[in-house]
Amino acid sequence: MRCIDELHMQYPFAGSRMMRDLLNRQGHHIGRRHTRTLMKK
């Protein structure tokens, strides 16, 4: 969650697909649907 929050501050326009790609680049292997679920929280 912390990683998603930090990325959301840098990229407030990012959707679940872009967020998934950014997280994968950082080494967090997560799917788009799970990313979307976490972003809702």
PDB file of N, CA and C in Angstrom:
ATOM      1  N   MET A   1       0.832  -1.198   0.000  1.00  0.00           N
ATOM      2  CA  MET A   1       0.000   0.000   0.000  1.00  0.00           C
ATOM      3  C   MET A   1       0.870   1.253   0.000  1.00  0.00           C
ATOM      4  N   ARG A   2       1.954   1.219   0.744  1.00  0.00           N
ATOM      5  CA  ARG A   2       2.811   2.396   0.827  1.00  0.00           C
ATOM      6  C   ARG A   2       3.386   2.741  -0.541  1.00  0.00           C
ATOM      7  N   CYS A   3       3.792   1.717  -1.281  1.00  0.00           N
ATOM      8  CA  CYS A   3       4.348   1.950  -2.622  1.00  0.00           C
ATOM      9  C   CYS A   3       3.306   2.571  -3.543  1.00  0.00           C
ATOM     10  N   ILE A   4       2.086   2.088  -3.452  1.00  0.00           N
ATOM     11  CA  ILE A   4       1.011   2.640  -4.284  1.00  0.00           C
ATOM     12  C   ILE A   4       0.746   4.090  -3.894  1.00  0.00           C
ATOM     13  N   ASP A   5       0.748   4.384  -2.602  1.00  0.00           N
ATOM     14  CA  ASP A   5       0.528   5.759  -2.152  1.00  0.00           C
ATOM     15  C   ASP A   5       1.628   6.687  -2.655  1.00  0.00           C
ATOM     16  N   GLU A   6       2.880   6.233  -2.580  1.00  0.00           N
ATOM     17  CA  GLU A   6       3.993   7.058  -3.047  1.00  0.00           C
ATOM     18  C   GLU A   6       3.909   7.297  -4.549  1.00  0.00           C
ATOM     19  N   LEU A   7       3.597   6.249  -5.300  1.00  0.00           N
ATOM     20  CA  LEU A   7       3.474   6.408  -6.749  1.00  0.00           C
ATOM     21  C   LEU A   7       2.284   7.287  -7.111  1.00  0.00           C
ATOM     22  N   HIS A   8       1.209   7.193  -6.341  1.00  0.00           N
ATOM     23  CA  HIS A   8       0.028   8.015  -6.621  1.00  0.00           C
ATOM     24  C   HIS A   8       0.320   9.496  -6.397  1.00  0.00           C
ATOM     25  N   MET A   9       1.202   9.802  -5.453  1.00  0.00           N
ATOM     26  CA  MET A   9       1.579  11.203  -5.242  1.00  0.00           C
ATOM     27  C   MET A   9       2.374  11.728  -6.442  1.00  0.00           C
ATOM     28  N   GLN A  10       3.195  10.876  -7.049  1.00  0.00           N
ATOM     29  CA  GLN A  10       3.990  11.286  -8.209  1.00  0.00           C
ATOM     30  C   GLN A  10       3.165  11.289  -9.491  1.00  0.00           C
ATOM     31  N   TYR A  11       2.256  10.332  -9.609  1.00  0.00           N
ATOM     32  CA  TYR A  11       1.452  10.164 -10.822  1.00  0.00           C
ATOM     33  C   TYR A  11      -0.029  10.095 -10.447  1.00  0.00           C
ATOM     34  N   PRO A  12      -0.651  11.225 -10.099  1.00  0.00           N
ATOM     35  CA  PRO A  12      -2.058  11.189  -9.681  1.00  0.00           C
ATOM     36  C   PRO A  12      -3.008  10.791 -10.806  1.00  0.00           C
ATOM     37  N   PHE A  13      -2.553  10.871 -12.037  1.00  0.00           N
ATOM     38  CA  PHE A  13      -3.388  10.542 -13.194  1.00  0.00           C
ATOM     39  C   PHE A  13      -3.297   9.069 -13.567  1.00  0.00           C
ATOM     40  N   ALA A  14      -2.436   8.307 -12.896  1.00  0.00           N
ATOM     41  CA  ALA A  14      -2.188   6.910 -13.268  1.00  0.00           C
ATOM     42  C   ALA A  14      -3.376   6.031 -12.901  1.00  0.00           C
ATOM     43  N   GLY A  15      -3.764   5.210 -13.845  1.00  0.00           N
ATOM     44  CA  GLY A  15      -4.809   4.226 -13.598  1.00  0.00           C
ATOM     45  C   GLY A  15      -4.192   2.918 -13.131  1.00  0.00           C
ATOM     46  N   SER A  16      -5.009   1.895 -13.053  1.00  0.00           N
ATOM     47  CA  SER A  16      -4.524   0.619 -12.529  1.00  0.00           C
ATOM     48  C   SER A  16      -3.481  -0.017 -13.449  1.00  0.00           C
ATOM     49  N   ARG A  17      -3.607   0.173 -14.746  1.00  0.00           N
ATOM     50  CA  ARG A  17      -2.645  -0.435 -15.674  1.00  0.00           C
ATOM     51  C   ARG A  17      -1.284   0.239 -15.577  1.00  0.00           C
ATOM     52  N   MET A  18      -1.284   1.558 -15.548  1.00  0.00           N
ATOM     53  CA  MET A  18      -0.008   2.268 -15.425  1.00  0.00           C
ATOM     54  C   MET A  18       0.610   2.005 -14.058  1.00  0.00           C
ATOM     55  N   MET A  19      -0.215   1.971 -13.022  1.00  0.00           N
ATOM     56  CA  MET A  19       0.284   1.704 -11.678  1.00  0.00           C
ATOM     57  C   MET A  19       0.894   0.307 -11.610  1.00  0.00           C
ATOM     58  N   ARG A  20       0.249  -0.668 -12.251  1.00  0.00           N
ATOM     59  CA  ARG A  20       0.791  -2.030 -12.301  1.00  0.00           C
ATOM     60  C   ARG A  20       2.159  -2.036 -12.963  1.00  0.00           C
ATOM     61  N   ASP A  21       2.299  -1.316 -14.078  1.00  0.00           N
ATOM     62  CA  ASP A  21       3.583  -1.267 -14.782  1.00  0.00           C
ATOM     63  C   ASP A  21       4.657  -0.616 -13.925  1.00  0.00           C
ATOM     64  N   LEU A  22       4.304   0.456 -13.227  1.00  0.00           N
ATOM     65  CA  LEU A  22       5.270   1.124 -12.355  1.00  0.00           C
ATOM     66  C   LEU A  22       5.695   0.217 -11.209  1.00  0.00           C
ATOM     67  N   LEU A  23       4.747  -0.502 -10.632  1.00  0.00           N
ATOM     68  CA  LEU A  23       5.072  -1.420  -9.539  1.00  0.00           C
ATOM     69  C   LEU A  23       5.929  -2.580 -10.033  1.00  0.00           C
ATOM     70  N   ASN A  24       5.637  -3.088 -11.232  1.00  0.00           N
ATOM     71  CA  ASN A  24       6.443  -4.181 -11.785  1.00  0.00           C
ATOM     72  C   ASN A  24       7.879  -3.742 -12.018  1.00  0.00           C
ATOM     73  N   ARG A  25       8.078  -2.501 -12.432  1.00  0.00           N
ATOM     74  CA  ARG A  25       9.438  -1.985 -12.629  1.00  0.00           C
ATOM     75  C   ARG A  25      10.202  -1.918 -11.316  1.00  0.00           C
ATOM     76  N   GLN A  26       9.489  -1.722 -10.216  1.00  0.00           N
ATOM     77  CA  GLN A  26      10.127  -1.655  -8.901  1.00  0.00           C
ATOM     78  C   GLN A  26      10.321  -3.038  -8.290  1.00  0.00           C
ATOM     79  N   GLY A  27       9.858  -4.072  -8.971  1.00  0.00           N
ATOM     80  CA  GLY A  27      10.053  -5.428  -8.478  1.00  0.00           C
ATOM     81  C   GLY A  27       8.866  -6.017  -7.751  1.00  0.00           C
ATOM     82  N   HIS A  28       7.733  -5.311  -7.737  1.00  0.00           N
ATOM     83  CA  HIS A  28       6.513  -5.817  -7.110  1.00  0.00           C
ATOM     84  C   HIS A  28       5.648  -6.435  -8.206  1.00  0.00           C
ATOM     85  N   HIS A  29       5.634  -7.746  -8.271  1.00  0.00           N
ATOM     86  CA  HIS A  29       4.874  -8.429  -9.319  1.00  0.00           C
ATOM     87  C   HIS A  29       3.437  -8.594  -8.850  1.00  0.00           C
ATOM     88  N   ILE A  30       2.573  -7.794  -9.458  1.00  0.00           N
ATOM     89  CA  ILE A  30       1.175  -7.732  -9.039  1.00  0.00           C
ATOM     90  C   ILE A  30       0.326  -7.558 -10.289  1.00  0.00           C
ATOM     91  N   GLY A  31      -0.835  -8.139 -10.296  1.00  0.00           N
ATOM     92  CA  GLY A  31      -1.729  -8.052 -11.440  1.00  0.00           C
ATOM     93  C   GLY A  31      -2.543  -6.768 -11.434  1.00  0.00           C
ATOM     94  N   ARG A  32      -3.153  -6.489 -12.586  1.00  0.00           N
ATOM     95  CA  ARG A  32      -3.933  -5.251 -12.721  1.00  0.00           C
ATOM     96  C   ARG A  32      -5.145  -5.247 -11.812  1.00  0.00           C
ATOM     97  N   ARG A  33      -5.834  -6.373 -11.716  1.00  0.00           N
ATOM     98  CA  ARG A  33      -7.045  -6.410 -10.887  1.00  0.00           C
ATOM     99  C   ARG A  33      -6.713  -6.246  -9.409  1.00  0.00           C
ATOM    100  N   HIS A  34      -5.634  -6.855  -8.966  1.00  0.00           N
ATOM    101  CA  HIS A  34      -5.235  -6.696  -7.563  1.00  0.00           C
ATOM    102  C   HIS A  34      -4.795  -5.256  -7.307  1.00  0.00           C
ATOM    103  N   THR A  35      -4.099  -4.664  -8.271  1.00  0.00           N
ATOM    104  CA  THR A  35      -3.706  -3.262  -8.151  1.00  0.00           C
ATOM    105  C   THR A  35      -4.940  -2.383  -8.015  1.00  0.00           C
ATOM    106  N   ARG A  36      -5.946  -2.657  -8.831  1.00  0.00           N
ATOM    107  CA  ARG A  36      -7.186  -1.871  -8.786  1.00  0.00           C
ATOM    108  C   ARG A  36      -7.866  -1.998  -7.430  1.00  0.00           C
ATOM    109  N   THR A  37      -7.900  -3.218  -6.890  1.00  0.00           N
ATOM    110  CA  THR A  37      -8.504  -3.447  -5.578  1.00  0.00           C
ATOM    111  C   THR A  37      -7.778  -2.654  -4.502  1.00  0.00           C
ATOM    112  N   LEU A  38      -6.452  -2.674  -4.538  1.00  0.00           N
ATOM    113  CA  LEU A  38      -5.676  -1.943  -3.538  1.00  0.00           C
ATOM    114  C   LEU A  38      -5.827  -0.433  -3.699  1.00  0.00           C
ATOM    115  N   MET A  39      -5.974   0.038  -4.936  1.00  0.00           N
ATOM    116  CA  MET A  39      -6.129   1.470  -5.167  1.00  0.00           C
ATOM    117  C   MET A  39      -7.465   1.976  -4.632  1.00  0.00           C
ATOM    118  N   LYS A  40      -8.476   1.120  -4.586  1.00  0.00           N
ATOM    119  CA  LYS A  40      -9.778   1.535  -4.061  1.00  0.00           C
ATOM    120  C   LYS A  40      -9.719   1.814  -2.565  1.00  0.00           C
ATOM    121  N   LYS A  41      -8.804   1.144  -1.863  1.00  0.00           N
ATOM    122  CA  LYS A  41      -8.720   1.296  -0.405  1.00  0.00           C
ATOM    123  C   LYS A  41      -8.092   2.567  -0.047  1.00  0.00           C
TER     124      LYS A  41
END
